[in-house]
Structures are given as structure tokens and as C-alpha cells.
């Protein structure tokens, strides 16, 4: 069991919202279950999820130990663009997490891959077999997967040395000026909302290059290349310069044109474990193509 105590500094929030913003790795639904089970007290008394917290109160949460996660193969269709004895290049659909985590223990890319390649369970980390980098749940596009321990070591080293070139396509609000540039700003956990990342002094070095591909009245299509690989880096950096990704509910706002952030891992260039230099390209996912067509026809993002 883990006990967490939090002093309320700024009141007015519902108890479940207050805790969801301050407990890292725990969703609002999980918080509500803890409250229903009696694991949450306010000033020593059980409270309901809708209770408004006030400054000066102390909220205590007892977090039971998590059940040991289990990786089960699942028959989820995943497009494989390239395969050799060492490496897979998959075209990840939107809405699928790369690996299990809080709130999504099943239905991930790893579960799908294990159904096709059971031997992956011996490659890399136990809960992330074969995975050497990741995409956000609602980001689509190209992802590398190592099939052997040798390939895993090679790909991790190439990524660490920044020799894997990744290019994304993003639709953003507004038109960046200048039309081509580099964002260099450190990234860390948001100081008040642990589920978000932010540009924070003293955070980890982060560098993102962008180039304007097409300009519209209220938005722009960009090619974006992350030089470093921080969590949510592209989304954070584009929002930081005043051009959040269209449809991003965390760093911008939702869009009537697309049900997720308009961000797609479009191109990948690297030296494979075999020594061969290869480049892979994934066309925009259908929902992003439809949103782009609507913008070109004059729709507002």
C-alpha cells in the first residue's frame, strides 16, 4: 500500500478532478474507483467524488499495489510495411497505445505484435518487448520494432546517437513565422499537472525543426523533425511557439474536423542492423486526409 497526502492550496475543484491532476499515472476513472472504495479522505473523513475541495484541507489517498501486468497476445490488425530477420516497420493506426500502461492494460500494439511474433517476448524490456521508441496513442504512422536482441541494441544506439531521422506531418493553428525554423526549449513534467509536459527551465534538452509545406487562411501544414525524443515533444514545442497541433485536446483544443491531434509519423530513414540505409514513407491516415481536404475546401480548423 502507498499513502499520499496532499495539502489543498487552491480550492474550488471537484475532489476527483483535483486528484486526477496531481496523482501521476492515475486516471480520473481510477481516482473515482479509489473514492468509491473508501481509499480517499478529506481532513480524515470519507468524501464523495463531487465534493469541492477548499484551501487548507488535506486530502489523503491510499493506493493499493497494482495487479502484476500480464502481456497477452491479441489478434489486432497492424499493417507491417517492412520486415526482415531483424526489424519490423509498422504503420501504427491512431487510437492504439504502443505498450500497456495505466488505463490501457490491453489492446496495445505490443499485444498485437505478440500474436504475430511470439518470439518478441524475449527482446528488450518485459512489458515493452521489441519496442525501441514510441508514438502517442492518437498519433499514427511509422514505428520501428526490433525482432532480435542484436537488432534492439543496434536501434537503441542509433536512436541515442540521433542517427534515425524521423519526419512528421502536422496541421497547426496559424502560420508560423519564419516559415522554417528550429525550436530549442527544455521539456519536463508540467509543474501543476503531472499528466502534461511543458517547456520548463531546467528540463531536458529538446530540439524540434519545422518547415512550412502549405499555408491556409487559419492554419498551416508542416513537416516537423524532432532532433531529440522527449515525451509529447512536437506537440509541446508547437504549442510553445503559438501554433498548437489542430485537434490536440491537451496542448490546444479539439477540432470539428478530426477526432484527434493532426500528427502523423510520415517518414523514417535509418541504417538497418544489416548495414543497409533505408527510408520508409507512410501516407497520411484517412481521417487526416479528410480533414486536410476540408481545410483546402475552406473549412475552419
Protein backbone atom coordinates (compact mmCIF):
# COMPACT_ATOMS: atom_id res chain seq x y z
CA UNK A 1 0.00 0.00 0.00
CA UNK A 2 1.11 3.55 -0.73
CA UNK A 3 -0.27 6.56 1.15
CA UNK A 4 -0.18 10.03 -0.39
CA UNK A 5 -1.16 13.24 1.42
CA UNK A 6 -1.77 16.48 -0.47
CA UNK A 7 -2.44 19.91 1.02
CA UNK A 8 -5.04 21.94 -0.87
CA UNK A 9 -3.59 25.33 -1.82
CA UNK A 10 -6.14 26.48 -4.39
CA UNK A 11 -9.71 25.25 -3.84
CA UNK A 12 -12.80 25.06 -6.00
CA UNK A 13 -12.13 21.82 -7.87
CA UNK A 14 -14.07 18.59 -7.54
CA UNK A 15 -12.18 16.06 -5.45
CA UNK A 16 -11.81 13.58 -8.34
CA UNK A 17 -10.54 16.30 -10.70
CA UNK A 18 -8.16 17.63 -8.04
CA UNK A 19 -6.60 14.19 -7.53
CA UNK A 20 -6.50 13.27 -11.23
CA UNK A 21 -4.35 16.37 -11.85
CA UNK A 22 -1.95 15.60 -9.01
CA UNK A 23 -1.52 11.83 -8.94
CA UNK A 24 0.90 10.82 -11.67
CA UNK A 25 -0.13 7.80 -13.72
CA UNK A 26 -3.66 7.58 -12.28
CA UNK A 27 -6.67 8.48 -14.42
CA UNK A 28 -9.83 10.23 -13.25
CA UNK A 29 -11.75 6.94 -13.57
CA UNK A 30 -9.19 5.23 -11.35
CA UNK A 31 -9.45 8.08 -8.84
CA UNK A 32 -13.23 7.69 -8.77
CA UNK A 33 -12.88 3.98 -8.06
CA UNK A 34 -10.49 4.72 -5.17
CA UNK A 35 -13.04 7.19 -3.76
CA UNK A 36 -15.90 4.68 -4.10
CA UNK A 37 -13.81 2.04 -2.29
CA UNK A 38 -13.17 4.40 0.61
CA UNK A 39 -9.45 4.88 -0.02
CA UNK A 40 -9.71 8.70 -0.12
CA UNK A 41 -10.36 11.04 2.83
CA UNK A 42 -10.56 14.82 3.22
CA UNK A 43 -9.41 16.01 6.64
CA UNK A 44 -9.73 12.42 7.83
CA UNK A 45 -13.30 11.92 6.62
CA UNK A 46 -14.53 9.90 3.60
CA UNK A 47 -15.73 12.13 0.78
CA UNK A 48 -17.59 11.85 -2.49
CA UNK A 49 -16.07 12.43 -5.91
CA UNK A 50 -18.06 15.62 -6.47
CA UNK A 51 -17.01 17.29 -3.22
CA UNK A 52 -15.37 20.69 -3.81
CA UNK A 53 -12.05 20.93 -2.01
CA UNK A 54 -11.13 24.11 -0.07
CA UNK A 55 -7.77 25.75 0.67
CA UNK A 56 -6.26 24.44 3.89
CA UNK A 57 -7.76 20.97 3.62
CA UNK A 58 -5.64 17.84 3.50
CA UNK A 59 -6.52 15.05 1.09
CA UNK A 60 -5.17 11.58 1.85
CA UNK A 61 -5.16 8.73 -0.66
CA UNK A 62 -4.27 5.11 -0.07
CA UNK A 63 -3.20 3.49 -3.34
CA UNK A 64 -3.34 -0.31 -3.33
CA UNK A 65 -0.48 -2.10 -5.08
CA UNK A 66 -1.26 -2.65 -8.77
CA UNK A 67 -2.01 -6.10 -10.06
CA UNK A 68 1.02 -7.53 -11.85
CA UNK A 69 0.54 -6.72 -15.54
CA UNK A 70 0.33 -9.59 -17.98
CA UNK A 71 1.06 -9.37 -21.66
CA UNK A 72 -1.38 -11.43 -23.69
CA UNK A 73 -1.27 -11.81 -27.48
CA UNK A 74 -4.32 -10.24 -29.14
CA UNK A 75 -5.41 -10.54 -32.80
CA UNK A 76 -5.39 -6.81 -33.58
CA UNK A 77 -4.65 -5.98 -37.24
CA UNK A 78 -1.48 -3.91 -37.61
CA UNK A 79 -0.08 -3.01 -41.07
CA UNK A 80 3.53 -4.16 -41.46
CA UNK A 81 5.33 -2.11 -44.13
CA UNK A 82 8.70 -3.84 -43.94
CA UNK A 83 10.15 -6.95 -42.37
CA UNK A 84 13.50 -8.71 -42.38
CA UNK A 85 15.17 -11.05 -39.91
CA UNK A 86 15.97 -8.19 -37.52
CA UNK A 87 13.43 -5.42 -37.86
CA UNK A 88 9.78 -4.62 -38.41
CA UNK A 89 8.47 -1.27 -39.62
CA UNK A 90 4.77 -0.97 -38.77
CA UNK A 91 2.22 1.69 -39.71
CA UNK A 92 0.52 2.29 -36.36
CA UNK A 93 -3.16 3.20 -36.58
CA UNK A 94 -4.46 6.01 -34.35
CA UNK A 95 -6.14 5.14 -31.07
CA UNK A 96 -3.79 2.27 -30.18
CA UNK A 97 -1.22 2.71 -27.39
CA UNK A 98 2.22 1.33 -28.18
CA UNK A 99 2.53 -0.66 -24.94
CA UNK A 100 0.44 -1.35 -21.82
CA UNK A 101 0.24 1.36 -19.18
CA UNK A 102 -2.14 2.91 -16.65
CA UNK A 103 -5.66 2.88 -18.06
CA UNK A 104 -4.88 0.61 -21.02
CA UNK A 105 -3.56 -2.79 -19.92
CA UNK A 106 -4.71 -4.46 -23.16
CA UNK A 107 -5.40 -3.61 -26.77
CA UNK A 108 -1.93 -2.20 -27.45
CA UNK A 109 0.49 -2.53 -30.33
CA UNK A 110 2.61 -4.87 -28.21
CA UNK A 111 -0.37 -7.19 -27.67
CA UNK A 112 -0.95 -7.23 -31.44
CA UNK A 113 2.72 -7.89 -32.23
CA UNK A 114 2.95 -10.79 -29.78
CA UNK A 115 0.09 -12.52 -31.61
CA UNK A 116 2.13 -12.35 -34.84
CA UNK A 117 5.65 -12.73 -33.41
CA UNK A 118 5.64 -14.66 -30.10
CA UNK A 119 9.46 -14.58 -30.05
CA UNK A 120 9.36 -10.83 -29.36
CA UNK A 121 8.75 -11.55 -25.67
CA UNK A 122 12.48 -12.29 -25.37
CA UNK A 123 13.56 -8.94 -26.89
CA UNK A 124 14.04 -5.78 -24.79
CA UNK A 125 12.03 -4.86 -21.72
CA UNK A 126 9.47 -7.28 -20.30
CA UNK A 127 6.45 -5.02 -20.82
CA UNK A 128 7.79 -3.39 -23.98
CA UNK A 129 9.13 -6.29 -26.00
CA UNK A 130 10.71 -5.19 -29.26
CA UNK A 131 9.89 -1.52 -28.66
CA UNK A 132 12.74 0.97 -29.17
CA UNK A 133 10.74 4.20 -29.49
CA UNK A 134 7.08 5.14 -29.24
CA UNK A 135 4.25 7.21 -30.67
CA UNK A 136 1.46 8.78 -28.66
CA UNK A 137 -1.79 6.79 -28.59
CA UNK A 138 -3.53 9.14 -31.04
CA UNK A 139 -0.53 9.70 -33.32
CA UNK A 140 -0.43 7.48 -36.39
CA UNK A 141 2.42 6.39 -38.62
CA UNK A 142 5.80 4.69 -38.74
CA UNK A 143 7.24 2.79 -35.81
CA UNK A 144 10.36 0.62 -35.58
CA UNK A 145 10.26 -2.74 -33.81
CA UNK A 146 13.30 -4.93 -33.06
CA UNK A 147 12.85 -8.67 -33.66
CA UNK A 148 16.13 -9.76 -32.06
CA UNK A 149 18.29 -8.70 -29.14
CA UNK A 150 21.04 -7.72 -31.58
CA UNK A 151 18.65 -5.50 -33.53
CA UNK A 152 17.34 -3.98 -30.31
CA UNK A 153 20.84 -2.94 -29.27
CA UNK A 154 21.56 -1.52 -32.73
CA UNK A 155 18.36 0.52 -32.95
CA UNK A 156 18.65 1.87 -29.41
CA UNK A 157 22.20 3.01 -30.16
CA UNK A 158 21.17 4.63 -33.47
CA UNK A 159 18.34 6.49 -31.75
CA UNK A 160 20.59 7.56 -28.90
CA UNK A 161 23.16 8.88 -31.38
CA UNK A 162 20.37 10.73 -33.26
CA UNK A 163 21.11 8.92 -36.50
CA UNK A 164 17.47 7.87 -37.05
CA UNK A 165 15.75 10.66 -38.98
CA UNK A 166 12.01 10.96 -38.27
CA UNK A 167 9.74 13.38 -40.12
CA UNK A 168 6.17 14.06 -39.06
CA UNK A 169 3.31 15.84 -40.80
CA UNK A 170 1.34 18.25 -38.58
CA UNK A 171 -1.53 20.65 -39.20
CA UNK A 172 -1.23 23.58 -36.82
CA UNK A 173 -3.26 26.65 -35.95
CA UNK A 174 -1.93 29.82 -37.55
CA UNK A 175 1.02 30.18 -39.92
CA UNK A 176 4.48 30.05 -38.31
CA UNK A 177 6.87 32.91 -38.96
CA UNK A 178 9.50 32.36 -40.13
CA UNK A 179 8.20 29.54 -42.35
CA UNK A 180 11.19 27.37 -41.41
CA UNK A 181 12.83 27.27 -38.02
CA UNK A 182 14.15 25.41 -35.01
CA UNK A 183 12.56 25.31 -31.56
CA UNK A 184 15.06 24.72 -28.75
CA UNK A 185 13.36 24.69 -25.37
CA UNK A 186 13.77 22.27 -22.42
CA UNK A 187 10.87 19.94 -21.62
CA UNK A 188 9.79 18.42 -18.30
CA UNK A 189 6.60 17.45 -16.47
CA UNK A 190 4.19 20.33 -16.04
CA UNK A 191 4.73 21.67 -12.50
CA UNK A 192 0.98 21.70 -11.72
CA UNK A 193 -0.42 18.96 -13.95
CA UNK A 194 1.67 15.78 -13.89
CA UNK A 195 -0.17 14.31 -16.90
CA UNK A 196 1.15 17.04 -19.17
CA UNK A 197 4.59 18.04 -20.36
CA UNK A 198 5.72 21.66 -20.65
CA UNK A 199 8.63 23.89 -21.50
CA UNK A 200 10.29 24.18 -18.10
CA UNK A 201 13.55 25.84 -17.13
CA UNK A 202 15.95 23.10 -16.09
CA UNK A 203 14.05 20.44 -18.08
CA UNK A 204 15.64 18.03 -20.53
CA UNK A 205 17.19 19.43 -23.68
CA UNK A 206 14.73 19.31 -26.59
CA UNK A 207 15.09 20.42 -30.22
CA UNK A 208 12.48 20.40 -32.98
CA UNK A 209 12.85 21.56 -36.60
CA UNK A 210 9.86 22.58 -38.72
CA UNK A 211 9.23 23.60 -42.31
CA UNK A 212 6.09 25.05 -43.88
CA UNK A 213 4.59 22.80 -46.55
CA UNK A 214 1.29 24.54 -47.24
CA UNK A 215 -0.42 27.62 -45.81
CA UNK A 216 -4.16 28.16 -45.43
CA UNK A 217 -6.23 31.03 -44.08
CA UNK A 218 -6.19 29.95 -40.43
CA UNK A 219 -3.76 27.03 -40.29
CA UNK A 220 -0.67 25.52 -41.87
CA UNK A 221 0.64 22.11 -42.85
CA UNK A 222 4.17 21.49 -41.55
CA UNK A 223 6.93 18.95 -41.87
CA UNK A 224 8.38 18.50 -38.40
CA UNK A 225 11.59 16.73 -37.44
CA UNK A 226 12.29 16.08 -33.76
CA UNK A 227 16.05 16.04 -33.18
CA UNK A 228 15.60 14.79 -29.62
CA UNK A 229 12.89 12.40 -28.46
CA UNK A 230 11.10 13.81 -25.42
CA UNK A 231 7.57 12.83 -24.42
CA UNK A 232 4.99 14.87 -26.41
CA UNK A 233 7.90 16.93 -27.77
CA UNK A 234 6.37 18.05 -31.09
CA UNK A 235 3.02 18.92 -29.50
CA UNK A 236 4.65 20.85 -26.65
CA UNK A 237 7.08 22.78 -28.86
CA UNK A 238 4.47 23.76 -31.45
CA UNK A 239 2.11 24.96 -28.73
CA UNK A 240 5.01 26.83 -27.10
CA UNK A 241 5.59 28.90 -30.26
CA UNK A 242 1.88 29.68 -30.51
CA UNK A 243 0.90 27.10 -33.13
CA UNK A 244 -0.67 24.09 -31.39
CA UNK A 245 -1.49 20.99 -33.40
CA UNK A 246 -5.06 21.02 -34.72
CA UNK A 247 -7.28 18.71 -32.67
CA UNK A 248 -4.86 18.38 -29.74
CA UNK A 249 -7.08 18.33 -26.61
CA UNK A 250 -4.14 18.68 -24.20
CA UNK A 251 -1.93 21.40 -25.67
CA UNK A 252 -4.52 23.11 -27.86
CA UNK A 253 -8.21 22.34 -28.29
CA UNK A 254 -10.48 19.89 -30.08
CA UNK A 255 -11.37 20.37 -33.73
CA UNK A 256 -14.63 19.73 -35.60
CA UNK A 257 -12.57 18.31 -38.48
CA UNK A 258 -10.68 15.50 -36.78
CA UNK A 259 -11.22 13.50 -33.59
CA UNK A 260 -7.55 13.51 -32.55
CA UNK A 261 -4.40 15.57 -32.93
CA UNK A 262 -3.40 16.01 -36.58
CA UNK A 263 0.04 14.42 -36.22
CA UNK A 264 1.43 11.62 -38.37
CA UNK A 265 4.85 9.92 -38.40
CA UNK A 266 5.37 10.23 -42.14
CA UNK A 267 8.99 9.37 -42.97
CA UNK A 268 11.73 7.32 -41.34
CA UNK A 269 15.34 6.98 -42.51
CA UNK A 270 17.95 4.82 -40.81
CA UNK A 271 20.73 2.30 -41.18
CA UNK A 272 19.30 -1.14 -40.52
CA UNK A 273 21.22 -3.74 -38.46
CA UNK A 274 22.22 -5.29 -41.79
CA UNK A 275 24.13 -2.08 -42.62
CA UNK A 276 21.69 -1.05 -45.36
CA UNK A 277 20.38 2.54 -45.40
CA UNK A 278 16.61 2.55 -45.90
CA UNK A 279 13.84 5.14 -45.97
CA UNK A 280 10.19 4.35 -45.29
CA UNK A 281 7.15 6.51 -46.01
CA UNK A 282 3.63 6.30 -44.62
CA UNK A 283 0.86 8.30 -46.34
CA UNK A 284 -1.49 10.33 -44.19
CA UNK A 285 -4.11 8.27 -42.38
CA UNK A 286 -7.63 8.52 -43.91
CA UNK A 287 -9.06 10.73 -41.15
CA UNK A 288 -6.20 13.20 -41.57
CA UNK A 289 -6.58 13.19 -45.36
CA UNK A 290 -10.27 14.01 -44.94
CA UNK A 291 -9.50 16.84 -42.51
CA UNK A 292 -6.87 18.27 -44.87
CA UNK A 293 -9.29 18.11 -47.82
CA UNK A 294 -11.86 20.02 -45.75
CA UNK A 295 -9.30 22.72 -44.91
CA UNK A 296 -8.33 23.05 -48.56
CA UNK A 297 -12.03 23.48 -49.34
CA UNK A 298 -12.25 26.37 -46.87
CA UNK A 299 -13.28 24.69 -43.59
CA UNK A 300 -12.08 26.24 -40.34
CA UNK A 301 -9.90 24.06 -38.10
